[in-house]
N, C-alpha and C. Protein backbone atom coordinates (compact mmCIF):
# COMPACT_ATOMS: atom_id res chain seq x y z
N UNK A 1 -101.18 -215.60 -108.86
CA UNK A 1 -100.97 -213.99 -109.02
C UNK A 1 -101.58 -212.82 -110.13
N UNK A 2 -102.02 -211.73 -108.85
CA UNK A 2 -102.79 -210.24 -109.50
C UNK A 2 -101.42 -209.55 -110.44
N UNK A 3 -101.97 -209.23 -111.88
CA UNK A 3 -101.43 -208.00 -112.27
C UNK A 3 -102.07 -207.07 -113.41
N UNK A 4 -102.07 -206.03 -113.82
CA UNK A 4 -103.36 -205.17 -114.48
C UNK A 4 -102.52 -205.10 -115.84
N UNK A 5 -104.05 -205.58 -116.75
CA UNK A 5 -103.49 -205.73 -118.29
C UNK A 5 -104.61 -205.01 -118.76
N UNK A 6 -103.57 -203.57 -119.30
CA UNK A 6 -104.62 -202.56 -119.54
C UNK A 6 -105.33 -201.73 -118.55
N UNK A 7 -104.86 -201.65 -117.85
CA UNK A 7 -105.89 -201.12 -116.93
C UNK A 7 -106.91 -202.14 -115.86
N UNK A 8 -107.05 -203.44 -116.38
CA UNK A 8 -108.04 -204.17 -115.68
C UNK A 8 -106.81 -205.27 -115.13
N UNK A 9 -107.67 -205.89 -113.82
CA UNK A 9 -107.42 -207.04 -113.08
C UNK A 9 -107.45 -208.11 -113.78
N UNK A 10 -105.96 -208.79 -113.51
CA UNK A 10 -106.05 -210.26 -114.25
C UNK A 10 -105.75 -211.04 -112.93
N UNK A 11 -106.30 -212.33 -112.84
CA UNK A 11 -105.24 -213.66 -112.62
C UNK A 11 -104.76 -214.47 -113.24
N UNK A 12 -103.39 -214.49 -112.80
CA UNK A 12 -102.71 -215.66 -113.82
C UNK A 12 -101.88 -216.28 -112.58
N UNK A 13 -101.67 -217.55 -113.24
CA UNK A 13 -100.43 -218.06 -112.96
C UNK A 13 -99.19 -217.76 -112.35
N UNK A 14 -98.66 -218.27 -111.56
CA UNK A 14 -97.22 -218.19 -110.39
C UNK A 14 -96.30 -218.20 -111.66
N UNK A 15 -95.89 -217.32 -111.80
CA UNK A 15 -94.52 -217.63 -112.94
C UNK A 15 -94.77 -216.96 -114.34
N UNK A 16 -96.28 -216.24 -114.48
CA UNK A 16 -96.69 -215.95 -115.75
C UNK A 16 -96.00 -215.32 -116.44
N UNK A 17 -95.72 -215.50 -118.00
CA UNK A 17 -94.86 -215.01 -119.07
C UNK A 17 -95.11 -213.63 -119.78
N UNK A 18 -94.71 -212.61 -119.94
CA UNK A 18 -95.71 -211.70 -120.94
C UNK A 18 -96.55 -212.22 -121.95
N UNK A 19 -95.90 -213.50 -122.40
CA UNK A 19 -96.51 -214.02 -123.71
C UNK A 19 -98.02 -214.55 -123.08
N UNK A 20 -97.94 -214.92 -121.80
CA UNK A 20 -99.27 -214.77 -121.57
C UNK A 20 -100.20 -214.20 -121.02
N UNK A 21 -99.71 -213.10 -120.96
CA UNK A 21 -100.56 -211.85 -120.71
C UNK A 21 -101.14 -211.89 -122.20
N UNK A 22 -100.17 -211.73 -123.15
CA UNK A 22 -100.59 -211.10 -124.32
C UNK A 22 -102.05 -212.16 -124.55
N UNK A 23 -101.41 -213.25 -124.39
CA UNK A 23 -102.67 -214.28 -125.00
C UNK A 23 -104.16 -213.99 -123.97
N UNK A 24 -104.21 -213.07 -123.02
CA UNK A 24 -105.25 -212.83 -122.16
C UNK A 24 -106.15 -212.12 -123.32
N UNK A 25 -105.54 -211.05 -124.27
CA UNK A 25 -106.21 -210.04 -124.51
C UNK A 25 -106.53 -210.62 -126.47
N UNK A 26 -105.03 -211.42 -127.22
CA UNK A 26 -105.36 -211.45 -128.07
C UNK A 26 -104.18 -212.89 -128.48
N UNK A 27 -104.71 -213.23 -129.57
CA UNK A 27 -103.33 -214.15 -129.90
C UNK A 27 -102.92 -214.24 -131.15
N UNK A 28 -102.81 -212.92 -131.60
CA UNK A 28 -101.42 -212.35 -132.74
C UNK A 28 -100.39 -211.82 -132.21
N UNK A 29 -99.37 -212.22 -132.41
CA UNK A 29 -98.23 -211.47 -132.24
C UNK A 29 -97.32 -210.36 -133.43
N UNK A 30 -98.16 -210.26 -133.91
CA UNK A 30 -97.65 -209.17 -135.44
C UNK A 30 -98.58 -207.90 -134.91
N UNK A 31 -97.68 -206.60 -135.03
CA UNK A 31 -98.77 -204.99 -134.70
C UNK A 31 -98.74 -205.06 -132.94
N UNK A 32 -98.28 -206.02 -132.52
CA UNK A 32 -98.21 -206.02 -130.88
C UNK A 32 -96.93 -205.70 -130.37
N UNK A 33 -97.56 -204.80 -129.50
CA UNK A 33 -96.19 -204.11 -128.57
C UNK A 33 -96.60 -204.20 -126.93
N UNK A 34 -95.21 -204.16 -126.22
CA UNK A 34 -95.75 -204.32 -124.63
C UNK A 34 -94.43 -203.84 -123.76
N UNK A 35 -95.40 -203.44 -123.14
CA UNK A 35 -94.70 -202.94 -121.72
C UNK A 35 -95.24 -203.67 -120.37
N UNK A 36 -94.01 -203.50 -119.70
CA UNK A 36 -94.36 -203.78 -118.04
C UNK A 36 -93.94 -202.36 -117.60
N UNK A 37 -94.46 -202.57 -116.58
CA UNK A 37 -94.22 -200.85 -115.59
C UNK A 37 -93.06 -200.26 -116.19
N UNK A 38 -93.72 -199.82 -117.14
CA UNK A 38 -93.41 -198.79 -118.51
C UNK A 38 -92.58 -198.75 -119.16
N UNK A 39 -92.13 -200.17 -119.22
CA UNK A 39 -90.65 -200.90 -119.83
C UNK A 39 -90.68 -201.54 -120.50
N UNK A 40 -90.39 -201.01 -122.38
CA UNK A 40 -91.08 -202.06 -123.33
C UNK A 40 -89.96 -203.02 -123.88
N UNK A 41 -90.82 -204.51 -123.42
CA UNK A 41 -90.62 -205.25 -123.61
C UNK A 41 -90.52 -206.37 -125.21
N UNK A 42 -89.15 -206.57 -125.73
CA UNK A 42 -89.34 -207.14 -127.19
C UNK A 42 -89.78 -208.06 -127.30
N UNK A 43 -90.49 -208.54 -128.17
CA UNK A 43 -91.56 -209.60 -129.21
C UNK A 43 -90.20 -210.86 -128.73
N UNK A 44 -89.07 -211.10 -128.42
CA UNK A 44 -88.29 -211.75 -128.40
C UNK A 44 -88.16 -212.77 -127.34
N UNK A 45 -88.75 -211.41 -126.22
CA UNK A 45 -88.36 -211.69 -124.48
C UNK A 45 -89.80 -211.80 -123.96
N UNK A 46 -90.66 -212.26 -125.09
CA UNK A 46 -92.00 -212.56 -124.35
C UNK A 46 -91.58 -213.37 -123.57
N UNK A 47 -91.62 -214.70 -124.30
CA UNK A 47 -91.59 -216.08 -123.85
C UNK A 47 -90.64 -216.22 -122.53
N UNK A 48 -89.53 -215.03 -121.92
CA UNK A 48 -88.84 -215.66 -120.91
C UNK A 48 -88.87 -214.67 -119.90
N UNK A 49 -89.81 -213.41 -120.39
CA UNK A 49 -89.74 -212.23 -119.39
C UNK A 49 -91.11 -213.06 -118.55
N UNK A 50 -90.39 -213.22 -117.05
CA UNK A 50 -91.72 -213.47 -115.97
C UNK A 50 -92.49 -212.28 -115.49
N UNK A 51 -93.57 -212.66 -115.26
CA UNK A 51 -94.40 -211.18 -114.42
C UNK A 51 -94.16 -211.52 -113.19
N UNK A 52 -94.43 -210.30 -112.17
CA UNK A 52 -94.43 -210.63 -110.91
C UNK A 52 -95.98 -210.10 -110.29
N UNK A 53 -96.67 -210.44 -109.33
CA UNK A 53 -97.15 -209.66 -108.35
C UNK A 53 -97.49 -208.51 -108.54
N UNK A 54 -98.81 -207.81 -109.21
CA UNK A 54 -98.83 -206.01 -109.27
C UNK A 54 -98.07 -205.26 -110.42
N UNK A 55 -97.59 -206.20 -111.20
CA UNK A 55 -97.21 -205.72 -112.51
C UNK A 55 -98.58 -205.57 -113.08
N UNK A 56 -97.91 -204.28 -113.99
CA UNK A 56 -98.95 -203.47 -114.98
C UNK A 56 -98.59 -203.77 -116.33
N UNK A 57 -98.94 -204.39 -117.06
CA UNK A 57 -99.02 -204.53 -118.43
C UNK A 57 -99.80 -204.14 -118.66
N UNK A 58 -98.82 -203.11 -120.13
CA UNK A 58 -99.95 -202.27 -121.40
C UNK A 58 -99.74 -203.62 -122.46
N UNK A 59 -100.85 -203.83 -123.14
CA UNK A 59 -100.70 -204.00 -124.33
C UNK A 59 -101.27 -203.62 -125.50
N UNK A 60 -100.74 -203.37 -126.94
CA UNK A 60 -100.81 -202.14 -127.69
C UNK A 60 -101.25 -202.80 -128.73
N UNK A 61 -102.11 -202.71 -129.97
CA UNK A 61 -102.05 -203.26 -130.87
C UNK A 61 -102.15 -202.11 -132.14
N UNK A 62 -101.41 -202.45 -133.39
CA UNK A 62 -101.58 -201.40 -134.18
C UNK A 62 -103.21 -201.27 -134.81
N UNK A 63 -103.27 -200.37 -135.12
CA UNK A 63 -104.67 -200.28 -136.10
C UNK A 63 -104.30 -199.61 -137.44
N UNK A 64 -104.87 -200.14 -138.51
CA UNK A 64 -104.95 -199.24 -139.91
C UNK A 64 -106.05 -198.97 -140.12
N UNK A 65 -106.12 -197.58 -140.60
CA UNK A 65 -107.37 -196.96 -141.54
C UNK A 65 -106.97 -195.92 -142.05
N UNK A 66 -108.00 -195.85 -141.87
CA UNK A 66 -107.74 -194.21 -143.60
C UNK A 66 -108.81 -193.64 -142.95
């Protein structure tokens, strides 16, 4: 299935979850927030939230600096 992650098309297996989408960008789970089609998905739901074809996923990571 095709999903858009941070504005870039990605091919993921059918039934892929939010957690799998996050792993395409980063292995870390700390300081990461995810929204699917504009709706925030809590970290506890990443493994159980299945994606559908044409979903738009936004993965945001916290950045520290001064």
